[in-house]
Amino acid sequence: MSDHLRELIATKLGAVSNKDHYALLEIKPDSTTETIIEAWAVLARRLELRGVTDPEVATNGLRLRKAVDEAKAILTDEERRRQYDRDRKGVTVPVPKFHRDPHEDAKFLRLLMTPFDRMNGKEKEIAKSLHQRGAVLFTRGDLEGAERFFRRALDLDDSVGVHHLRVGWVMLQRTGPSDTARQHIEQAVAFDTNSSEAHYALASYWKAVGDHDKYRKELEATARGKPTLPKAEMELGALKAKERRQAEADARAKRIEEAERPMFSLKRLFGRDKSS
């Protein structure tokens, strides 16, 4: 549980620092109150802190939970939300400045460069630490650094689906869709067919390459998976609405065509009669 929370916290640090309530809840600025409450409830469930024994995770988890509650309180209050939106539009939100600890950077760099034969059977433990460091760097926007740590974690332990997922996802974000990125993400799906994050990453890949059918299929798989991802559900809802509009437009066009067909036939008929 601590590993899951640590990773969730790492991905939300930027939104918390920026006071970006919409990004924190993974919703759009024009979301309804119902959508806001639903997104808050999903995230609150993922931030269950009972049974967490790691003090750092417990402290940061509590801080994140307070930020999530604050976001919900502001966005579900009509007046406070209007004020927040005005402030948000009128002020350029700065990129969060992260405190860099040279000693911590050096420690993880040494860990990254440790030869395999000096790990003394601790490969899986080291891989977990490198993966967590990659998640921190990813949150800070250092995609190149994150990829280095994610790749090394995967090299040390390729039996963990999330290691494949993170390598594929960061490649997709850095350089765009590629066969290698897709293969890593598909490997993550194979490890855990119920992982909403893996299916959403694969959906993002198919969207990027323009394969509508596979994009829709993976969004549906995301909606069935765990944990719930509000942004994926909103994408799927928007996609279905777009498809309904297109189907209605096609049906109207077909009705117009069918209505005009007898008229066209009559014109041809009378035209022939007149000429004879």
Protein backbone atom coordinates (compact mmCIF):
# COMPACT_ATOMS: atom_id res chain seq x y z
CA MET A 1 0.00 0.00 0.00
CA SER A 2 2.82 2.43 0.87
CA ASP A 3 4.38 2.02 -2.58
CA HIS A 4 1.07 2.78 -4.28
CA LEU A 5 0.55 5.88 -2.13
CA ARG A 6 4.12 7.06 -2.58
CA GLU A 7 3.71 6.93 -6.34
CA LEU A 8 0.31 8.64 -6.24
CA ILE A 9 1.70 11.42 -4.05
CA ALA A 10 4.67 11.91 -6.39
CA THR A 11 2.36 12.39 -9.39
CA LYS A 12 0.25 14.99 -7.55
CA LEU A 13 2.97 17.20 -6.07
CA GLY A 14 2.97 19.65 -8.96
CA ALA A 15 -0.78 20.24 -8.82
CA VAL A 16 -0.65 20.70 -5.03
CA SER A 17 2.22 23.22 -5.28
CA ASN A 18 0.44 25.12 -8.06
CA LYS A 19 -2.93 25.09 -6.28
CA ASP A 20 -4.33 23.68 -9.51
CA HIS A 21 -7.53 22.14 -8.22
CA TYR A 22 -8.68 20.94 -11.63
CA ALA A 23 -5.42 19.13 -12.36
CA LEU A 24 -5.38 17.68 -8.87
CA LEU A 25 -8.83 16.13 -9.31
CA GLU A 26 -8.12 15.30 -12.99
CA ILE A 27 -11.16 17.15 -14.29
CA LYS A 28 -11.87 19.89 -16.82
CA PRO A 29 -12.45 23.53 -15.79
CA ASP A 30 -16.05 23.33 -17.04
CA SER A 31 -16.88 20.17 -15.08
CA THR A 32 -20.22 19.97 -13.30
CA THR A 33 -20.55 19.76 -9.53
CA GLU A 34 -21.50 16.11 -9.85
CA THR A 35 -18.31 15.36 -11.78
CA ILE A 36 -16.23 17.24 -9.19
CA ILE A 37 -17.72 15.27 -6.29
CA GLU A 38 -17.25 11.99 -8.13
CA ALA A 39 -13.60 12.78 -8.92
CA TRP A 40 -13.00 13.81 -5.30
CA ALA A 41 -14.55 10.58 -4.00
CA VAL A 42 -12.39 8.43 -6.30
CA LEU A 43 -9.19 10.19 -5.26
CA ALA A 44 -10.15 10.15 -1.58
CA ARG A 45 -10.57 6.37 -1.76
CA ARG A 46 -7.12 6.03 -3.31
CA LEU A 47 -5.70 8.07 -0.42
CA GLU A 48 -6.79 5.62 2.27
CA LEU A 49 -4.10 6.00 4.97
CA ARG A 50 -5.17 3.34 7.44
CA GLY A 51 -2.47 0.74 7.88
CA VAL A 52 0.30 2.93 6.44
CA THR A 53 3.42 2.50 8.56
CA ASP A 54 5.88 4.65 6.59
CA PRO A 55 5.97 8.06 8.38
CA GLU A 56 6.95 9.98 5.22
CA VAL A 57 4.14 8.45 3.20
CA ALA A 58 1.66 9.06 6.02
CA THR A 59 2.68 12.73 6.36
CA ASN A 60 2.66 13.47 2.64
CA GLY A 61 -0.54 11.47 2.19
CA LEU A 62 -2.28 13.56 4.83
CA ARG A 63 -1.05 16.75 3.15
CA LEU A 64 -2.37 15.54 -0.21
CA ARG A 65 -5.70 14.49 1.29
CA LYS A 66 -6.14 17.98 2.77
CA ALA A 67 -5.36 19.51 -0.64
CA VAL A 68 -7.92 17.23 -2.29
CA ASP A 69 -10.58 18.17 0.26
CA GLU A 70 -9.77 21.86 -0.21
CA ALA A 71 -10.10 21.52 -3.99
CA LYS A 72 -13.51 19.89 -3.62
CA ALA A 73 -14.69 22.50 -1.10
CA ILE A 74 -13.71 25.40 -3.38
CA LEU A 75 -14.97 23.94 -6.65
CA THR A 76 -18.35 22.90 -5.25
CA ASP A 77 -19.02 26.35 -3.76
CA GLU A 78 -20.37 28.57 -6.55
CA GLU A 79 -18.96 31.86 -5.27
CA ARG A 80 -15.57 30.46 -4.23
CA ARG A 81 -15.24 28.70 -7.55
CA ARG A 82 -15.96 31.90 -9.49
CA GLN A 83 -13.30 33.72 -7.47
CA TYR A 84 -10.83 30.87 -7.96
CA ASP A 85 -11.46 30.86 -11.73
CA ARG A 86 -10.96 34.63 -11.89
CA ASP A 87 -7.69 34.40 -10.00
CA ARG A 88 -6.62 31.44 -12.10
CA LYS A 89 -7.21 33.28 -15.39
CA GLY A 90 -5.65 36.50 -14.20
CA VAL A 91 -2.45 35.10 -12.77
CA THR A 92 0.21 33.11 -14.56
CA VAL A 93 0.81 30.05 -12.46
CA PRO A 94 4.56 29.60 -11.87
CA VAL A 95 6.27 26.30 -12.42
CA PRO A 96 6.85 24.84 -8.97
CA LYS A 97 10.40 25.11 -7.70
CA PHE A 98 11.59 21.90 -6.15
CA HIS A 99 14.28 21.85 -3.53
CA ARG A 100 17.17 19.81 -4.85
CA ASP A 101 19.30 18.04 -2.31
CA PRO A 102 22.80 17.46 -3.79
CA HIS A 103 23.41 14.62 -1.34
CA GLU A 104 20.17 12.91 -2.34
CA ASP A 105 20.95 13.37 -6.03
CA ALA A 106 24.41 11.89 -5.52
CA LYS A 107 23.00 8.96 -3.56
CA PHE A 108 20.57 8.00 -6.29
CA LEU A 109 23.17 8.54 -9.00
CA ARG A 110 25.48 6.08 -7.22
CA LEU A 111 22.59 3.67 -6.92
CA LEU A 112 21.84 4.09 -10.61
CA MET A 113 25.45 3.32 -11.55
CA THR A 114 25.92 0.38 -9.18
CA PRO A 115 27.17 -2.67 -11.14
CA PHE A 116 24.93 -5.71 -11.04
CA ASP A 117 27.58 -7.88 -9.38
CA ARG A 118 27.75 -5.49 -6.41
CA MET A 119 24.07 -5.55 -5.55
CA ASN A 120 24.40 -8.59 -3.29
CA GLY A 121 21.03 -10.04 -4.23
CA LYS A 122 19.16 -6.77 -3.58
CA GLU A 123 18.23 -6.17 -7.22
CA LYS A 124 14.49 -6.01 -6.61
CA GLU A 125 14.85 -3.66 -3.65
CA ILE A 126 17.16 -1.36 -5.62
CA ALA A 127 14.83 -1.49 -8.63
CA LYS A 128 11.97 -0.30 -6.41
CA SER A 129 14.05 2.64 -5.13
CA LEU A 130 15.11 3.60 -8.66
CA HIS A 131 11.52 3.40 -9.86
CA GLN A 132 10.35 5.71 -7.06
CA ARG A 133 13.13 8.17 -7.91
CA GLY A 134 12.02 8.10 -11.54
CA ALA A 135 8.48 8.97 -10.45
CA VAL A 136 9.78 12.01 -8.55
CA LEU A 137 11.79 13.21 -11.56
CA PHE A 138 8.79 12.67 -13.83
CA THR A 139 6.68 14.89 -11.57
CA ARG A 140 9.36 17.58 -11.74
CA GLY A 141 9.24 17.50 -15.53
CA ASP A 142 12.64 15.85 -15.93
CA LEU A 143 11.48 13.23 -18.43
CA GLU A 144 14.98 12.34 -19.57
CA GLY A 145 16.14 11.71 -16.01
CA ALA A 146 12.95 9.81 -15.21
CA GLU A 147 13.48 7.54 -18.21
CA ARG A 148 17.02 6.71 -17.09
CA PHE A 149 15.80 5.58 -13.66
CA PHE A 150 12.74 3.76 -15.03
CA ARG A 151 14.88 1.88 -17.56
CA ARG A 152 17.41 0.84 -14.95
CA ALA A 153 14.62 -0.36 -12.65
CA LEU A 154 13.25 -2.43 -15.52
CA ASP A 155 16.69 -3.87 -16.28
CA LEU A 156 17.02 -5.03 -12.68
CA ASP A 157 13.49 -6.41 -12.34
CA ASP A 158 11.41 -7.01 -15.45
CA SER A 159 8.88 -9.12 -13.54
CA VAL A 160 6.93 -6.03 -12.40
CA GLY A 161 4.35 -4.72 -14.83
CA VAL A 162 4.53 -1.13 -13.61
CA HIS A 163 8.23 -1.00 -14.56
CA HIS A 164 7.28 -1.73 -18.17
CA LEU A 165 4.41 0.76 -17.93
CA ARG A 166 6.56 3.65 -16.73
CA VAL A 167 9.21 3.11 -19.42
CA GLY A 168 6.55 2.99 -22.13
CA TRP A 169 4.68 6.01 -20.75
CA VAL A 170 7.71 8.24 -20.39
CA MET A 171 8.83 7.32 -23.92
CA LEU A 172 5.38 8.24 -25.21
CA GLN A 173 5.58 11.60 -23.44
CA ARG A 174 9.17 12.35 -24.48
CA THR A 175 9.38 11.25 -28.11
CA GLY A 176 5.84 10.39 -29.13
CA PRO A 177 4.38 7.03 -30.19
CA SER A 178 6.80 4.30 -31.15
CA ASP A 179 6.69 0.52 -31.44
CA THR A 180 9.03 0.20 -28.45
CA ALA A 181 6.81 2.37 -26.24
CA ARG A 182 3.75 0.37 -27.30
CA GLN A 183 5.46 -2.95 -26.61
CA HIS A 184 6.38 -1.88 -23.07
CA ILE A 185 2.83 -0.73 -22.37
CA GLU A 186 1.35 -3.91 -23.83
CA GLN A 187 3.69 -5.89 -21.58
CA ALA A 188 2.30 -3.97 -18.59
CA VAL A 189 -1.25 -4.83 -19.68
CA ALA A 190 -0.24 -8.50 -19.98
CA PHE A 191 1.06 -8.43 -16.38
CA ASP A 192 -2.17 -6.92 -15.05
CA THR A 193 -5.16 -6.96 -17.38
CA ASN A 194 -7.19 -5.06 -14.75
CA SER A 195 -4.78 -2.12 -14.53
CA SER A 196 -6.64 1.03 -15.58
CA GLU A 197 -3.35 2.95 -15.80
CA ALA A 198 -1.85 0.43 -18.25
CA HIS A 199 -4.97 0.40 -20.44
CA TYR A 200 -5.14 4.21 -20.39
CA ALA A 201 -1.49 4.44 -21.48
CA LEU A 202 -2.26 2.08 -24.34
CA ALA A 203 -5.37 4.12 -25.21
CA SER A 204 -3.16 7.24 -25.33
CA TYR A 205 -0.81 5.46 -27.72
CA TRP A 206 -3.61 4.46 -30.10
CA LYS A 207 -5.06 7.97 -29.94
CA ALA A 208 -1.65 9.40 -30.87
CA VAL A 209 -1.35 7.14 -33.93
CA GLY A 210 -4.95 7.79 -34.97
CA ASP A 211 -6.44 4.31 -34.52
CA HIS A 212 -9.94 5.25 -33.36
CA ASP A 213 -11.26 1.71 -32.83
CA LYS A 214 -8.34 0.57 -30.64
CA TYR A 215 -8.38 3.90 -28.76
CA ARG A 216 -12.05 3.36 -27.90
CA LYS A 217 -11.47 -0.29 -26.96
CA GLU A 218 -8.69 0.62 -24.52
CA LEU A 219 -10.72 3.46 -23.00
CA GLU A 220 -13.49 0.96 -22.31
CA ALA A 221 -10.96 -1.40 -20.73
CA THR A 222 -9.71 1.52 -18.64
CA ALA A 223 -13.22 2.20 -17.37
CA ARG A 224 -13.55 -1.44 -16.29
CA GLY A 225 -10.17 -1.47 -14.55
CA LYS A 226 -8.88 -0.34 -11.19
CA PRO A 227 -8.24 2.24 -9.86
CA THR A 228 -10.90 4.46 -11.43
CA LEU A 229 -9.44 7.22 -13.63
CA PRO A 230 -11.89 10.15 -13.95
CA LYS A 231 -10.02 11.65 -16.91
CA ALA A 232 -10.36 8.39 -18.86
CA GLU A 233 -14.08 8.21 -18.06
CA MET A 234 -14.51 11.78 -19.29
CA GLU A 235 -12.62 10.97 -22.50
CA LEU A 236 -14.80 7.94 -23.08
CA GLY A 237 -17.95 9.96 -22.41
CA ALA A 238 -16.81 12.67 -24.85
CA LEU A 239 -15.96 10.04 -27.45
CA LYS A 240 -19.37 8.37 -27.13
CA ALA A 241 -21.11 11.76 -27.40
CA LYS A 242 -19.13 12.55 -30.54
CA GLU A 243 -20.06 9.18 -32.02
CA ARG A 244 -23.74 9.77 -31.21
CA ARG A 245 -23.64 13.16 -32.93
CA GLN A 246 -22.00 11.62 -35.97
CA ALA A 247 -24.53 8.77 -36.06
CA GLU A 248 -27.39 11.29 -35.85
CA ALA A 249 -25.84 13.38 -38.64
CA ASP A 250 -25.44 10.27 -40.81
CA ALA A 251 -29.04 9.24 -40.11
CA ARG A 252 -30.31 12.71 -41.09
CA ALA A 253 -28.29 12.63 -44.28
CA LYS A 254 -29.67 9.20 -45.12
CA ARG A 255 -33.26 10.33 -44.49
CA ILE A 256 -32.75 13.36 -46.74
CA GLU A 257 -31.25 11.16 -49.44
CA GLU A 258 -34.13 8.70 -49.24
CA ALA A 259 -36.68 11.54 -49.32
CA GLU A 260 -35.08 13.07 -52.39
CA ARG A 261 -34.77 9.79 -54.28
CA PRO A 262 -38.50 9.51 -55.29
CA MET A 263 -38.51 13.18 -56.32
CA PHE A 264 -35.46 12.58 -58.49
CA SER A 265 -37.11 9.53 -60.06
CA LEU A 266 -40.27 11.51 -60.84
CA LYS A 267 -38.26 14.27 -62.47
CA ARG A 268 -36.52 11.75 -64.67
CA LEU A 269 -39.84 10.09 -65.49
CA PHE A 270 -41.61 13.32 -66.46
CA GLY A 271 -38.57 14.50 -68.26
CA ARG A 272 -38.63 11.45 -70.50
CA ASP A 273 -42.40 11.74 -71.03
CA LYS A 274 -42.07 15.38 -72.06
CA SER A 275 -39.30 14.72 -74.50
CA SER A 276 -41.24 11.88 -76.15
